[in-house]
């Protein structure tokens, strides 16, 4: 599932609103361990492009899966 989430974000990264939507969805699908790995990957891969979206989503207390 982690690899699928990475693939999806790589595929939509040119559209900010779609990136935001898929980032939220991806995190909600992952277990706690994979969420941490995914969040680290997202920060590394997209921080220059979408720092504002990443900060908003990853610093918000959504009801993600555990």
C-alpha atoms as a PDB file:
ATOM      1  CA  UNK A   1       0.000   0.000   0.000  1.00  0.00           C
ATOM      2  CA  UNK A   2       2.873   2.357   0.779  1.00  0.00           C
ATOM      3  CA  UNK A   3       4.290   1.978  -2.726  1.00  0.00           C
ATOM      4  CA  UNK A   4       0.873   2.600  -4.254  1.00  0.00           C
ATOM      5  CA  UNK A   5       0.484   5.831  -2.279  1.00  0.00           C
ATOM      6  CA  UNK A   6       3.899   7.010  -3.467  1.00  0.00           C
ATOM      7  CA  UNK A   7       3.001   6.182  -7.069  1.00  0.00           C
ATOM      8  CA  UNK A   8      -0.264   8.097  -6.831  1.00  0.00           C
ATOM      9  CA  UNK A   9       1.389  11.221  -5.401  1.00  0.00           C
ATOM     10  CA  UNK A  10       4.108  11.109  -8.031  1.00  0.00           C
ATOM     11  CA  UNK A  11       1.360  10.952 -10.659  1.00  0.00           C
ATOM     12  CA  UNK A  12      -0.642  13.939  -9.416  1.00  0.00           C
ATOM     13  CA  UNK A  13       2.113  16.228  -8.167  1.00  0.00           C
ATOM     14  CA  UNK A  14       1.576  18.744 -10.971  1.00  0.00           C
ATOM     15  CA  UNK A  15      -1.908  19.632  -9.687  1.00  0.00           C
ATOM     16  CA  UNK A  16      -1.813  21.205  -6.228  1.00  0.00           C
ATOM     17  CA  UNK A  17      -5.446  20.553  -5.289  1.00  0.00           C
ATOM     18  CA  UNK A  18      -5.263  16.941  -6.462  1.00  0.00           C
ATOM     19  CA  UNK A  19      -1.959  16.497  -4.627  1.00  0.00           C
ATOM     20  CA  UNK A  20      -3.577  17.753  -1.419  1.00  0.00           C
ATOM     21  CA  UNK A  21      -6.585  15.459  -1.828  1.00  0.00           C
ATOM     22  CA  UNK A  22      -4.459  12.386  -2.548  1.00  0.00           C
ATOM     23  CA  UNK A  23      -2.069  13.164   0.307  1.00  0.00           C
ATOM     24  CA  UNK A  24      -4.966  13.138   2.779  1.00  0.00           C
ATOM     25  CA  UNK A  25      -6.409   9.979   1.270  1.00  0.00           C
ATOM     26  CA  UNK A  26      -3.060   8.187   1.233  1.00  0.00           C
ATOM     27  CA  UNK A  27      -2.361   8.905   4.877  1.00  0.00           C
ATOM     28  CA  UNK A  28      -5.802   7.673   5.879  1.00  0.00           C
ATOM     29  CA  UNK A  29      -5.141   4.314   4.187  1.00  0.00           C
ATOM     30  CA  UNK A  30      -1.804   3.606   5.859  1.00  0.00           C
ATOM     31  CA  UNK A  31      -1.079   2.057   9.237  1.00  0.00           C
ATOM     32  CA  UNK A  32       0.941   4.049  11.777  1.00  0.00           C
ATOM     33  CA  UNK A  33       4.326   2.635  10.767  1.00  0.00           C
ATOM     34  CA  UNK A  34       3.755   3.254   7.055  1.00  0.00           C
ATOM     35  CA  UNK A  35       2.333   6.714   7.773  1.00  0.00           C
ATOM     36  CA  UNK A  36       5.636   7.732   9.329  1.00  0.00           C
ATOM     37  CA  UNK A  37       7.643   6.365   6.396  1.00  0.00           C
ATOM     38  CA  UNK A  38       5.277   8.015   3.931  1.00  0.00           C
ATOM     39  CA  UNK A  39       5.361  11.376   5.679  1.00  0.00           C
ATOM     40  CA  UNK A  40       9.164  11.364   5.678  1.00  0.00           C
ATOM     41  CA  UNK A  41       9.191  10.478   1.981  1.00  0.00           C
ATOM     42  CA  UNK A  42       6.641  13.213   1.161  1.00  0.00           C
ATOM     43  CA  UNK A  43       8.653  15.842   3.015  1.00  0.00           C
ATOM     44  CA  UNK A  44      11.844  14.854   1.204  1.00  0.00           C
ATOM     45  CA  UNK A  45      10.309  14.479  -2.251  1.00  0.00           C
ATOM     46  CA  UNK A  46       7.907  17.449  -2.384  1.00  0.00           C
ATOM     47  CA  UNK A  47       9.042  20.011   0.211  1.00  0.00           C
ATOM     48  CA  UNK A  48      10.266  22.493  -2.413  1.00  0.00           C
ATOM     49  CA  UNK A  49       7.097  22.202  -4.449  1.00  0.00           C
ATOM     50  CA  UNK A  50       4.334  21.991  -1.832  1.00  0.00           C
ATOM     51  CA  UNK A  51       5.748  22.933   1.562  1.00  0.00           C
ATOM     52  CA  UNK A  52       2.551  24.801   2.458  1.00  0.00           C
ATOM     53  CA  UNK A  53       0.271  21.849   1.651  1.00  0.00           C
ATOM     54  CA  UNK A  54       2.565  19.350   3.358  1.00  0.00           C
ATOM     55  CA  UNK A  55       2.750  21.450   6.525  1.00  0.00           C
ATOM     56  CA  UNK A  56      -1.003  21.913   6.556  1.00  0.00           C
ATOM     57  CA  UNK A  57      -1.856  18.245   6.097  1.00  0.00           C
ATOM     58  CA  UNK A  58       0.893  16.568   8.079  1.00  0.00           C
ATOM     59  CA  UNK A  59       0.593  18.955  11.028  1.00  0.00           C
ATOM     60  CA  UNK A  60      -3.192  18.677  11.247  1.00  0.00           C
ATOM     61  CA  UNK A  61      -4.752  16.113  13.534  1.00  0.00           C
ATOM     62  CA  UNK A  62      -6.946  14.253  11.075  1.00  0.00           C
ATOM     63  CA  UNK A  63      -8.532  10.969  12.096  1.00  0.00           C
ATOM     64  CA  UNK A  64      -6.003   8.767  10.316  1.00  0.00           C
ATOM     65  CA  UNK A  65      -5.866   5.007  10.627  1.00  0.00           C
ATOM     66  CA  UNK A  66      -3.652   3.583  13.322  1.00  0.00           C
END
